[in-house]
């Protein structure tokens, strides 16, 4: 009918984090973790405040994909949630861009500006 109000857009649910952890718990293979990480990153792009950041730490540890590790480091740094152990380990990452993200020289360059 012409009087019908449109439905409001559906936003994230309050139990999204619980559902995300449930999906993560059934991942068993490298490929499943990789696909999960891609989905989590996409979710983060739309809902950064609702994304369980601790999963990016776990995915960093589990993935052999250097591009994904770079993205996880970037996200954790952006949110000031990068653990010292990842920052230290990432200095030796196979991806040069990841190494540059956590380079101690980067901090020195920033301080001199």
PDB file of N, CA and C in Angstrom:
ATOM      1  N   UNK A   1       0.839  -1.181   0.000  1.00  0.00           N
ATOM      2  CA  UNK A   1       0.000   0.000   0.000  1.00  0.00           C
ATOM      3  C   UNK A   1       0.881   1.241   0.000  1.00  0.00           C
ATOM      4  N   UNK A   2       0.308   2.359  -0.388  1.00  0.00           N
ATOM      5  CA  UNK A   2       1.053   3.599  -0.460  1.00  0.00           C
ATOM      6  C   UNK A   2       1.414   4.108   0.924  1.00  0.00           C
ATOM      7  N   UNK A   3       0.668   3.665   1.943  1.00  0.00           N
ATOM      8  CA  UNK A   3       0.931   4.104   3.311  1.00  0.00           C
ATOM      9  C   UNK A   3       2.049   3.323   3.989  1.00  0.00           C
ATOM     10  N   UNK A   4       2.458   2.222   3.380  1.00  0.00           N
ATOM     11  CA  UNK A   4       3.458   1.356   4.005  1.00  0.00           C
ATOM     12  C   UNK A   4       4.789   2.088   4.151  1.00  0.00           C
ATOM     13  N   UNK A   5       5.352   1.970   5.330  1.00  0.00           N
ATOM     14  CA  UNK A   5       6.655   2.563   5.589  1.00  0.00           C
ATOM     15  C   UNK A   5       7.731   1.573   5.159  1.00  0.00           C
ATOM     16  N   UNK A   6       8.805   2.060   4.539  1.00  0.00           N
ATOM     17  CA  UNK A   6       9.884   1.131   4.191  1.00  0.00           C
ATOM     18  C   UNK A   6      10.544   0.604   5.456  1.00  0.00           C
ATOM     19  N   UNK A   7      11.013  -0.605   5.359  1.00  0.00           N
ATOM     20  CA  UNK A   7      11.726  -1.193   6.492  1.00  0.00           C
ATOM     21  C   UNK A   7      13.051  -0.460   6.656  1.00  0.00           C
ATOM     22  N   UNK A   8      13.452  -0.203   7.886  1.00  0.00           N
ATOM     23  CA  UNK A   8      14.764   0.417   8.075  1.00  0.00           C
ATOM     24  C   UNK A   8      15.847  -0.566   7.656  1.00  0.00           C
ATOM     25  N   UNK A   9      16.984  -0.064   7.205  1.00  0.00           N
ATOM     26  CA  UNK A   9      18.058  -0.983   6.830  1.00  0.00           C
ATOM     27  C   UNK A   9      18.472  -1.813   8.038  1.00  0.00           C
ATOM     28  N   UNK A  10      18.780  -3.047   7.770  1.00  0.00           N
ATOM     29  CA  UNK A  10      19.203  -3.924   8.855  1.00  0.00           C
ATOM     30  C   UNK A  10      20.675  -3.710   9.121  1.00  0.00           C
ATOM     31  N   UNK A  11      20.966  -3.399  10.344  1.00  0.00           N
ATOM     32  CA  UNK A  11      22.356  -3.208  10.744  1.00  0.00           C
ATOM     33  C   UNK A  11      22.887  -4.461  11.398  1.00  0.00           C
ATOM     34  N   UNK A  12      24.084  -4.357  11.918  1.00  0.00           N
ATOM     35  CA  UNK A  12      24.655  -5.525  12.597  1.00  0.00           C
ATOM     36  C   UNK A  12      23.863  -5.852  13.852  1.00  0.00           C
ATOM     37  N   UNK A  13      23.797  -7.103  14.142  1.00  0.00           N
ATOM     38  CA  UNK A  13      23.092  -7.539  15.340  1.00  0.00           C
ATOM     39  C   UNK A  13      23.981  -7.483  16.564  1.00  0.00           C
ATOM     40  N   UNK A  14      23.357  -7.467  17.692  1.00  0.00           N
ATOM     41  CA  UNK A  14      24.119  -7.427  18.937  1.00  0.00           C
ATOM     42  C   UNK A  14      24.915  -8.708  19.160  1.00  0.00           C
ATOM     43  N   UNK A  15      24.482  -9.792  18.525  1.00  0.00           N
ATOM     44  CA  UNK A  15      25.183 -11.065  18.740  1.00  0.00           C
ATOM     45  C   UNK A  15      26.123 -11.402  17.585  1.00  0.00           C
ATOM     46  N   UNK A  16      26.515 -10.414  16.785  1.00  0.00           N
ATOM     47  CA  UNK A  16      27.427 -10.682  15.672  1.00  0.00           C
ATOM     48  C   UNK A  16      28.732 -11.321  16.142  1.00  0.00           C
ATOM     49  N   UNK A  17      29.320 -10.796  17.206  1.00  0.00           N
ATOM     50  CA  UNK A  17      30.599 -11.342  17.679  1.00  0.00           C
ATOM     51  C   UNK A  17      30.449 -12.812  18.032  1.00  0.00           C
ATOM     52  N   UNK A  18      29.357 -13.168  18.668  1.00  0.00           N
ATOM     53  CA  UNK A  18      29.111 -14.573  19.022  1.00  0.00           C
ATOM     54  C   UNK A  18      29.024 -15.437  17.760  1.00  0.00           C
ATOM     55  N   UNK A  19      28.307 -14.944  16.758  1.00  0.00           N
ATOM     56  CA  UNK A  19      28.191 -15.692  15.504  1.00  0.00           C
ATOM     57  C   UNK A  19      29.531 -15.799  14.794  1.00  0.00           C
ATOM     58  N   UNK A  20      30.305 -14.729  14.815  1.00  0.00           N
ATOM     59  CA  UNK A  20      31.631 -14.741  14.182  1.00  0.00           C
ATOM     60  C   UNK A  20      32.508 -15.795  14.844  1.00  0.00           C
ATOM     61  N   UNK A  21      32.507 -15.841  16.176  1.00  0.00           N
ATOM     62  CA  UNK A  21      33.299 -16.854  16.888  1.00  0.00           C
ATOM     63  C   UNK A  21      32.795 -18.272  16.595  1.00  0.00           C
ATOM     64  N   UNK A  22      31.491 -18.439  16.434  1.00  0.00           N
ATOM     65  CA  UNK A  22      30.950 -19.762  16.101  1.00  0.00           C
ATOM     66  C   UNK A  22      31.464 -20.217  14.734  1.00  0.00           C
ATOM     67  N   UNK A  23      31.445 -19.315  13.770  1.00  0.00           N
ATOM     68  CA  UNK A  23      31.947 -19.667  12.430  1.00  0.00           C
ATOM     69  C   UNK A  23      33.430 -19.987  12.509  1.00  0.00           C
ATOM     70  N   UNK A  24      34.183 -19.168  13.235  1.00  0.00           N
ATOM     71  CA  UNK A  24      35.620 -19.396  13.379  1.00  0.00           C
ATOM     72  C   UNK A  24      35.902 -20.767  13.987  1.00  0.00           C
ATOM     73  N   UNK A  25      35.074 -21.169  14.933  1.00  0.00           N
ATOM     74  CA  UNK A  25      35.313 -22.429  15.643  1.00  0.00           C
ATOM     75  C   UNK A  25      35.194 -23.665  14.757  1.00  0.00           C
ATOM     76  N   UNK A  26      34.534 -23.540  13.616  1.00  0.00           N
ATOM     77  CA  UNK A  26      34.418 -24.704  12.736  1.00  0.00           C
ATOM     78  C   UNK A  26      35.469 -24.712  11.629  1.00  0.00           C
ATOM     79  N   UNK A  27      36.299 -23.680  11.544  1.00  0.00           N
ATOM     80  CA  UNK A  27      37.382 -23.659  10.556  1.00  0.00           C
ATOM     81  C   UNK A  27      38.430 -24.699  10.938  1.00  0.00           C
ATOM     82  N   UNK A  28      38.844 -25.472   9.965  1.00  0.00           N
ATOM     83  CA  UNK A  28      39.831 -26.529  10.234  1.00  0.00           C
ATOM     84  C   UNK A  28      41.056 -26.452   9.315  1.00  0.00           C
ATOM     85  N   UNK A  29      40.880 -25.976   8.097  1.00  0.00           N
ATOM     86  CA  UNK A  29      41.969 -26.004   7.118  1.00  0.00           C
ATOM     87  C   UNK A  29      42.514 -24.588   6.885  1.00  0.00           C
ATOM     88  N   UNK A  30      43.715 -24.539   6.329  1.00  0.00           N
ATOM     89  CA  UNK A  30      44.306 -23.239   5.980  1.00  0.00           C
ATOM     90  C   UNK A  30      43.368 -22.449   5.078  1.00  0.00           C
ATOM     91  N   UNK A  31      42.767 -23.128   4.114  1.00  0.00           N
ATOM     92  CA  UNK A  31      41.868 -22.456   3.179  1.00  0.00           C
ATOM     93  C   UNK A  31      40.660 -21.871   3.919  1.00  0.00           C
ATOM     94  N   UNK A  32      40.092 -22.628   4.859  1.00  0.00           N
ATOM     95  CA  UNK A  32      38.934 -22.134   5.617  1.00  0.00           C
ATOM     96  C   UNK A  32      39.310 -20.925   6.467  1.00  0.00           C
ATOM     97  N   UNK A  33      40.478 -20.990   7.108  1.00  0.00           N
ATOM     98  CA  UNK A  33      40.923 -19.836   7.897  1.00  0.00           C
ATOM     99  C   UNK A  33      41.156 -18.630   6.994  1.00  0.00           C
ATOM    100  N   UNK A  34      41.728 -18.873   5.814  1.00  0.00           N
ATOM    101  CA  UNK A  34      41.975 -17.784   4.870  1.00  0.00           C
ATOM    102  C   UNK A  34      40.664 -17.144   4.440  1.00  0.00           C
ATOM    103  N   UNK A  35      39.686 -17.963   4.078  1.00  0.00           N
ATOM    104  CA  UNK A  35      38.383 -17.438   3.656  1.00  0.00           C
ATOM    105  C   UNK A  35      37.689 -16.709   4.806  1.00  0.00           C
ATOM    106  N   UNK A  36      37.800 -17.269   5.994  1.00  0.00           N
ATOM    107  CA  UNK A  36      37.226 -16.611   7.167  1.00  0.00           C
ATOM    108  C   UNK A  36      37.863 -15.243   7.364  1.00  0.00           C
ATOM    109  N   UNK A  37      39.194 -15.177   7.246  1.00  0.00           N
ATOM    110  CA  UNK A  37      39.906 -13.911   7.408  1.00  0.00           C
ATOM    111  C   UNK A  37      39.472 -12.867   6.394  1.00  0.00           C
ATOM    112  N   UNK A  38      39.252 -13.296   5.152  1.00  0.00           N
ATOM    113  CA  UNK A  38      38.774 -12.362   4.130  1.00  0.00           C
ATOM    114  C   UNK A  38      37.407 -11.810   4.509  1.00  0.00           C
ATOM    115  N   UNK A  39      36.533 -12.690   4.996  1.00  0.00           N
ATOM    116  CA  UNK A  39      35.205 -12.257   5.413  1.00  0.00           C
ATOM    117  C   UNK A  39      35.259 -11.344   6.628  1.00  0.00           C
ATOM    118  N   UNK A  40      36.131 -11.664   7.581  1.00  0.00           N
ATOM    119  CA  UNK A  40      36.249 -10.842   8.782  1.00  0.00           C
ATOM    120  C   UNK A  40      36.769  -9.456   8.428  1.00  0.00           C
ATOM    121  N   UNK A  41      37.725  -9.400   7.508  1.00  0.00           N
ATOM    122  CA  UNK A  41      38.247  -8.102   7.083  1.00  0.00           C
ATOM    123  C   UNK A  41      37.149  -7.278   6.411  1.00  0.00           C
ATOM    124  N   UNK A  42      36.333  -7.919   5.593  1.00  0.00           N
ATOM    125  CA  UNK A  42      35.231  -7.207   4.947  1.00  0.00           C
ATOM    126  C   UNK A  42      34.228  -6.715   5.997  1.00  0.00           C
ATOM    127  N   UNK A  43      33.919  -7.552   6.962  1.00  0.00           N
ATOM    128  CA  UNK A  43      33.022  -7.153   8.044  1.00  0.00           C
ATOM    129  C   UNK A  43      33.617  -5.949   8.782  1.00  0.00           C
ATOM    130  N   UNK A  44      34.924  -6.012   9.065  1.00  0.00           N
ATOM    131  CA  UNK A  44      35.603  -4.917   9.762  1.00  0.00           C
ATOM    132  C   UNK A  44      35.471  -3.599   8.995  1.00  0.00           C
ATOM    133  N   UNK A  45      35.567  -3.656   7.675  1.00  0.00           N
ATOM    134  CA  UNK A  45      35.467  -2.442   6.860  1.00  0.00           C
ATOM    135  C   UNK A  45      34.111  -1.762   7.031  1.00  0.00           C
ATOM    136  N   UNK A  46      33.081  -2.545   7.318  1.00  0.00           N
ATOM    137  CA  UNK A  46      31.737  -1.994   7.484  1.00  0.00           C
ATOM    138  C   UNK A  46      31.356  -1.776   8.946  1.00  0.00           C
ATOM    139  N   UNK A  47      31.937  -2.567   9.833  1.00  0.00           N
ATOM    140  CA  UNK A  47      31.568  -2.518  11.259  1.00  0.00           C
ATOM    141  C   UNK A  47      32.815  -2.596  12.147  1.00  0.00           C
ATOM    142  N   UNK A  48      33.715  -1.630  12.063  1.00  0.00           N
ATOM    143  CA  UNK A  48      34.959  -1.751  12.837  1.00  0.00           C
ATOM    144  C   UNK A  48      34.743  -1.846  14.346  1.00  0.00           C
ATOM    145  N   UNK A  49      33.738  -1.177  14.850  1.00  0.00           N
ATOM    146  CA  UNK A  49      33.507  -1.181  16.291  1.00  0.00           C
ATOM    147  C   UNK A  49      32.938  -2.507  16.792  1.00  0.00           C
ATOM    148  N   UNK A  50      32.332  -3.281  15.921  1.00  0.00           N
ATOM    149  CA  UNK A  50      31.710  -4.544  16.330  1.00  0.00           C
ATOM    150  C   UNK A  50      32.587  -5.757  16.014  1.00  0.00           C
ATOM    151  N   UNK A  51      33.720  -5.529  15.375  1.00  0.00           N
ATOM    152  CA  UNK A  51      34.590  -6.636  14.970  1.00  0.00           C
ATOM    153  C   UNK A  51      35.453  -7.099  16.138  1.00  0.00           C
ATOM    154  N   UNK A  52      35.438  -8.399  16.446  1.00  0.00           N
ATOM    155  CA  UNK A  52      36.311  -8.905  17.519  1.00  0.00           C
ATOM    156  C   UNK A  52      37.775  -8.912  17.053  1.00  0.00           C
ATOM    157  N   UNK A  53      38.527  -7.894  17.464  1.00  0.00           N
ATOM    158  CA  UNK A  53      39.895  -7.708  16.990  1.00  0.00           C
ATOM    159  C   UNK A  53      40.831  -8.840  17.382  1.00  0.00           C
ATOM    160  N   UNK A  54      40.539  -9.511  18.478  1.00  0.00           N
ATOM    161  CA  UNK A  54      41.406 -10.618  18.917  1.00  0.00           C
ATOM    162  C   UNK A  54      41.525 -11.694  17.842  1.00  0.00           C
ATOM    163  N   UNK A  55      40.508 -11.829  17.012  1.00  0.00           N
ATOM    164  CA  UNK A  55      40.579 -12.827  15.945  1.00  0.00           C
ATOM    165  C   UNK A  55      41.644 -12.474  14.916  1.00  0.00           C
ATOM    166  N   UNK A  56      41.907 -11.190  14.710  1.00  0.00           N
ATOM    167  CA  UNK A  56      42.974 -10.817  13.779  1.00  0.00           C
ATOM    168  C   UNK A  56      44.335 -11.268  14.306  1.00  0.00           C
ATOM    169  N   UNK A  57      44.516 -11.241  15.630  1.00  0.00           N
ATOM    170  CA  UNK A  57      45.751 -11.762  16.227  1.00  0.00           C
ATOM    171  C   UNK A  57      45.888 -13.251  15.935  1.00  0.00           C
ATOM    172  N   UNK A  58      44.819 -13.981  16.161  1.00  0.00           N
ATOM    173  CA  UNK A  58      44.836 -15.430  15.936  1.00  0.00           C
ATOM    174  C   UNK A  58      45.062 -15.737  14.464  1.00  0.00           C
ATOM    175  N   UNK A  59      44.376 -15.026  13.592  1.00  0.00           N
ATOM    176  CA  UNK A  59      44.543 -15.256  12.153  1.00  0.00           C
ATOM    177  C   UNK A  59      45.953 -14.920  11.697  1.00  0.00           C
ATOM    178  N   UNK A  60      46.545 -13.872  12.263  1.00  0.00           N
ATOM    179  CA  UNK A  60      47.933 -13.540  11.933  1.00  0.00           C
ATOM    180  C   UNK A  60      48.822 -14.746  12.191  1.00  0.00           C
ATOM    181  N   UNK A  61      48.590 -15.373  13.311  1.00  0.00           N
ATOM    182  CA  UNK A  61      49.407 -16.519  13.715  1.00  0.00           C
ATOM    183  C   UNK A  61      49.155 -17.746  12.830  1.00  0.00           C
ATOM    184  N   UNK A  62      47.938 -17.885  12.334  1.00  0.00           N
ATOM    185  CA  UNK A  62      47.552 -19.091  11.588  1.00  0.00           C
ATOM    186  C   UNK A  62      47.814 -19.024  10.083  1.00  0.00           C
ATOM    187  N   UNK A  63      47.900 -17.820   9.523  1.00  0.00           N
ATOM    188  CA  UNK A  63      47.925 -17.745   8.071  1.00  0.00           C
ATOM    189  C   UNK A  63      49.329 -17.737   7.483  1.00  0.00           C
ATOM    190  N   UNK A  64      49.514 -18.503   6.414  1.00  0.00           N
ATOM    191  CA  UNK A  64      50.774 -18.419   5.684  1.00  0.00           C
ATOM    192  C   UNK A  64      50.753 -17.287   4.646  1.00  0.00           C
ATOM    193  N   UNK A  65      49.619 -16.600   4.508  1.00  0.00           N
ATOM    194  CA  UNK A  65      49.448 -15.573   3.470  1.00  0.00           C
ATOM    195  C   UNK A  65      50.038 -14.240   3.937  1.00  0.00           C
ATOM    196  N   UNK A  66      51.110 -13.815   3.300  1.00  0.00           N
ATOM    197  CA  UNK A  66      51.771 -12.576   3.719  1.00  0.00           C
ATOM    198  C   UNK A  66      50.890 -11.349   3.494  1.00  0.00           C
ATOM    199  N   UNK A  67      50.074 -11.364   2.459  1.00  0.00           N
ATOM    200  CA  UNK A  67      49.180 -10.221   2.207  1.00  0.00           C
ATOM    201  C   UNK A  67      48.141 -10.093   3.322  1.00  0.00           C
ATOM    202  N   UNK A  68      47.623 -11.218   3.767  1.00  0.00           N
ATOM    203  CA  UNK A  68      46.651 -11.202   4.862  1.00  0.00           C
ATOM    204  C   UNK A  68      47.306 -10.758   6.163  1.00  0.00           C
ATOM    205  N   UNK A  69      48.512 -11.274   6.439  1.00  0.00           N
ATOM    206  CA  UNK A  69      49.215 -10.855   7.666  1.00  0.00           C
ATOM    207  C   UNK A  69      49.404  -9.343   7.665  1.00  0.00           C
ATOM    208  N   UNK A  70      49.767  -8.806   6.501  1.00  0.00           N
ATOM    209  CA  UNK A  70      49.949  -7.351   6.379  1.00  0.00           C
ATOM    210  C   UNK A  70      48.663  -6.621   6.762  1.00  0.00           C
ATOM    211  N   UNK A  71      47.549  -7.087   6.239  1.00  0.00           N
ATOM    212  CA  UNK A  71      46.266  -6.445   6.524  1.00  0.00           C
ATOM    213  C   UNK A  71      45.915  -6.543   8.008  1.00  0.00           C
ATOM    214  N   UNK A  72      46.194  -7.696   8.614  1.00  0.00           N
ATOM    215  CA  UNK A  72      45.883  -7.861  10.035  1.00  0.00           C
ATOM    216  C   UNK A  72      46.736  -6.919  10.889  1.00  0.00           C
ATOM    217  N   UNK A  73      48.017  -6.803  10.551  1.00  0.00           N
ATOM    218  CA  UNK A  73      48.899  -5.893  11.281  1.00  0.00           C
ATOM    219  C   UNK A  73      48.400  -4.457  11.122  1.00  0.00           C
ATOM    220  N   UNK A  74      48.034  -4.111   9.914  1.00  0.00           N
ATOM    221  CA  UNK A  74      47.546  -2.760   9.638  1.00  0.00           C
ATOM    222  C   UNK A  74      46.287  -2.438  10.464  1.00  0.00           C
ATOM    223  N   UNK A  75      45.356  -3.369  10.492  1.00  0.00           N
ATOM    224  CA  UNK A  75      44.121  -3.171  11.254  1.00  0.00           C
ATOM    225  C   UNK A  75      44.423  -3.040  12.744  1.00  0.00           C
ATOM    226  N   UNK A  76      45.228  -3.935  13.275  1.00  0.00           N
ATOM    227  CA  UNK A  76      45.542  -3.901  14.703  1.00  0.00           C
ATOM    228  C   UNK A  76      46.300  -2.625  15.075  1.00  0.00           C
ATOM    229  N   UNK A  77      47.190  -2.178  14.195  1.00  0.00           N
ATOM    230  CA  UNK A  77      47.906  -0.924  14.442  1.00  0.00           C
ATOM    231  C   UNK A  77      46.948   0.257  14.419  1.00  0.00           C
ATOM    232  N   UNK A  78      46.083   0.263  13.437  1.00  0.00           N
ATOM    233  CA  UNK A  78      45.101   1.340  13.272  1.00  0.00           C
ATOM    234  C   UNK A  78      44.241   1.508  14.526  1.00  0.00           C
ATOM    235  N   UNK A  79      43.946   0.409  15.172  1.00  0.00           N
ATOM    236  CA  UNK A  79      43.085   0.426  16.367  1.00  0.00           C
ATOM    237  C   UNK A  79      43.904   0.430  17.670  1.00  0.00           C
ATOM    238  N   UNK A  80      45.217   0.616  17.564  1.00  0.00           N
ATOM    239  CA  UNK A  80      46.106   0.596  18.734  1.00  0.00           C
ATOM    240  C   UNK A  80      45.962  -0.690  19.536  1.00  0.00           C
ATOM    241  N   UNK A  81      45.853  -1.810  18.827  1.00  0.00           N
ATOM    242  CA  UNK A  81      45.682  -3.112  19.471  1.00  0.00           C
ATOM    243  C   UNK A  81      46.763  -4.113  19.049  1.00  0.00           C
ATOM    244  N   UNK A  82      47.846  -3.614  18.437  1.00  0.00           N
ATOM    245  CA  UNK A  82      48.893  -4.512  17.950  1.00  0.00           C
ATOM    246  C   UNK A  82      49.739  -4.997  19.126  1.00  0.00           C
ATOM    247  N   UNK A  83      49.696  -6.299  19.397  1.00  0.00           N
ATOM    248  CA  UNK A  83      50.510  -6.831  20.499  1.00  0.00           C
ATOM    249  C   UNK A  83      52.007  -6.710  20.178  1.00  0.00           C
ATOM    250  N   UNK A  84      52.794  -6.526  21.206  1.00  0.00           N
ATOM    251  CA  UNK A  84      54.244  -6.377  21.024  1.00  0.00           C
ATOM    252  C   UNK A  84      54.842  -7.592  20.328  1.00  0.00           C
ATOM    253  N   UNK A  85      54.334  -8.784  20.620  1.00  0.00           N
ATOM    254  CA  UNK A  85      54.915  -9.981  20.011  1.00  0.00           C
ATOM    255  C   UNK A  85      54.693  -9.995  18.496  1.00  0.00           C
ATOM    256  N   UNK A  86      53.548  -9.500  18.027  1.00  0.00           N
ATOM    257  CA  UNK A  86      53.312  -9.437  16.583  1.00  0.00           C
ATOM    258  C   UNK A  86      54.189  -8.350  15.967  1.00  0.00           C
ATOM    259  N   UNK A  87      54.288  -7.210  16.631  1.00  0.00           N
ATOM    260  CA  UNK A  87      55.131  -6.123  16.115  1.00  0.00           C
ATOM    261  C   UNK A  87      56.573  -6.599  15.956  1.00  0.00           C
ATOM    262  N   UNK A  88      57.044  -7.356  16.935  1.00  0.00           N
ATOM    263  CA  UNK A  88      58.425  -7.858  16.871  1.00  0.00           C
ATOM    264  C   UNK A  88      58.573  -8.912  15.765  1.00  0.00           C
ATOM    265  N   UNK A  89      57.639  -9.851  15.731  1.00  0.00           N
ATOM    266  CA  UNK A  89      57.707 -10.912  14.723  1.00  0.00           C
ATOM    267  C   UNK A  89      57.561 -10.352  13.304  1.00  0.00           C
ATOM    268  N   UNK A  90      56.682  -9.376  13.134  1.00  0.00           N
ATOM    269  CA  UNK A  90      56.419  -8.819  11.808  1.00  0.00           C
ATOM    270  C   UNK A  90      57.634  -8.089  11.228  1.00  0.00           C
ATOM    271  N   UNK A  91      58.580  -7.728  12.067  1.00  0.00           N
ATOM    272  CA  UNK A  91      59.812  -7.113  11.569  1.00  0.00           C
ATOM    273  C   UNK A  91      60.583  -8.065  10.665  1.00  0.00           C
ATOM    274  N   UNK A  92      60.263  -9.364  10.743  1.00  0.00           N
ATOM    275  CA  UNK A  92      60.933 -10.389   9.953  1.00  0.00           C
ATOM    276  C   UNK A  92      59.995 -11.024   8.926  1.00  0.00           C
ATOM    277  N   UNK A  93      58.845 -10.426   8.704  1.00  0.00           N
ATOM    278  CA  UNK A  93      57.872 -10.978   7.768  1.00  0.00           C
ATOM    279  C   UNK A  93      58.457 -11.033   6.362  1.00  0.00           C
ATOM    280  N   UNK A  94      57.968 -11.968   5.562  1.00  0.00           N
ATOM    281  CA  UNK A  94      58.439 -12.088   4.175  1.00  0.00           C
ATOM    282  C   UNK A  94      57.991 -10.915   3.312  1.00  0.00           C
ATOM    283  N   UNK A  95      56.949 -10.209   3.740  1.00  0.00           N
ATOM    284  CA  UNK A  95      56.424  -9.066   2.994  1.00  0.00           C
ATOM    285  C   UNK A  95      57.107  -7.782   3.461  1.00  0.00           C
ATOM    286  N   UNK A  96      57.776  -7.111   2.546  1.00  0.00           N
ATOM    287  CA  UNK A  96      58.503  -5.891   2.890  1.00  0.00           C
ATOM    288  C   UNK A  96      57.576  -4.809   3.447  1.00  0.00           C
ATOM    289  N   UNK A  97      56.378  -4.698   2.888  1.00  0.00           N
ATOM    290  CA  UNK A  97      55.430  -3.684   3.363  1.00  0.00           C
ATOM    291  C   UNK A  97      55.034  -3.923   4.823  1.00  0.00           C
ATOM    292  N   UNK A  98      54.911  -5.178   5.194  1.00  0.00           N
ATOM    293  CA  UNK A  98      54.600  -5.498   6.595  1.00  0.00           C
ATOM    294  C   UNK A  98      55.772  -5.119   7.479  1.00  0.00           C
ATOM    295  N   UNK A  99      56.973  -5.443   7.024  1.00  0.00           N
ATOM    296  CA  UNK A  99      58.161  -5.068   7.809  1.00  0.00           C
ATOM    297  C   UNK A  99      58.229  -3.556   8.002  1.00  0.00           C
ATOM    298  N   UNK A 100      57.889  -2.808   6.960  1.00  0.00           N
ATOM    299  CA  UNK A 100      57.916  -1.346   7.049  1.00  0.00           C
ATOM    300  C   UNK A 100      56.864  -0.813   8.026  1.00  0.00           C
ATOM    301  N   UNK A 101      55.705  -1.481   8.095  1.00  0.00           N
ATOM    302  CA  UNK A 101      54.650  -1.059   9.019  1.00  0.00           C
ATOM    303  C   UNK A 101      55.130  -1.040  10.463  1.00  0.00           C
ATOM    304  N   UNK A 102      55.961  -2.006  10.825  1.00  0.00           N
ATOM    305  CA  UNK A 102      56.379  -2.163  12.222  1.00  0.00           C
ATOM    306  C   UNK A 102      57.831  -1.770  12.455  1.00  0.00           C
ATOM    307  N   UNK A 103      58.437  -1.170  11.455  1.00  0.00           N
ATOM    308  CA  UNK A 103      59.838  -0.794  11.554  1.00  0.00           C
ATOM    309  C   UNK A 103      60.064   0.209  12.674  1.00  0.00           C
ATOM    310  N   UNK A 104      61.043  -0.049  13.547  1.00  0.00           N
ATOM    311  CA  UNK A 104      61.372   0.936  14.582  1.00  0.00           C
ATOM    312  C   UNK A 104      61.785   2.273  13.953  1.00  0.00           C
ATOM    313  N   UNK A 105      62.377   2.225  12.779  1.00  0.00           N
ATOM    314  CA  UNK A 105      62.772   3.437  12.068  1.00  0.00           C
ATOM    315  C   UNK A 105      61.548   4.289  11.747  1.00  0.00           C
ATOM    316  N   UNK A 106      60.418   3.651  11.461  1.00  0.00           N
ATOM    317  CA  UNK A 106      59.175   4.365  11.165  1.00  0.00           C
ATOM    318  C   UNK A 106      58.789   5.257  12.344  1.00  0.00           C
ATOM    319  N   UNK A 107      58.901   4.727  13.557  1.00  0.00           N
ATOM    320  CA  UNK A 107      58.592   5.517  14.757  1.00  0.00           C
ATOM    321  C   UNK A 107      59.539   6.695  14.891  1.00  0.00           C
ATOM    322  N   UNK A 108      60.827   6.473  14.611  1.00  0.00           N
ATOM    323  CA  UNK A 108      61.802   7.550  14.694  1.00  0.00           C
ATOM    324  C   UNK A 108      61.517   8.631  13.659  1.00  0.00           C
ATOM    325  N   UNK A 109      61.114   8.216  12.456  1.00  0.00           N
ATOM    326  CA  UNK A 109      60.779   9.171  11.411  1.00  0.00           C
ATOM    327  C   UNK A 109      59.589  10.017  11.831  1.00  0.00           C
ATOM    328  N   UNK A 110      58.591   9.402  12.446  1.00  0.00           N
ATOM    329  CA  UNK A 110      57.393  10.094  12.879  1.00  0.00           C
ATOM    330  C   UNK A 110      57.726  11.109  13.980  1.00  0.00           C
ATOM    331  N   UNK A 111      58.637  10.723  14.873  1.00  0.00           N
ATOM    332  CA  UNK A 111      58.985  11.603  15.978  1.00  0.00           C
ATOM    333  C   UNK A 111      59.735  12.845  15.503  1.00  0.00           C
ATOM    334  N   UNK A 112      60.438  12.746  14.386  1.00  0.00           N
ATOM    335  CA  UNK A 112      61.234  13.876  13.927  1.00  0.00           C
ATOM    336  C   UNK A 112      60.437  14.879  13.106  1.00  0.00           C
ATOM    337  N   UNK A 113      59.157  14.579  12.843  1.00  0.00           N
ATOM    338  CA  UNK A 113      58.332  15.499  12.046  1.00  0.00           C
ATOM    339  C   UNK A 113      57.835  16.631  12.906  1.00  0.00           C
TER     340      UNK A 113
END
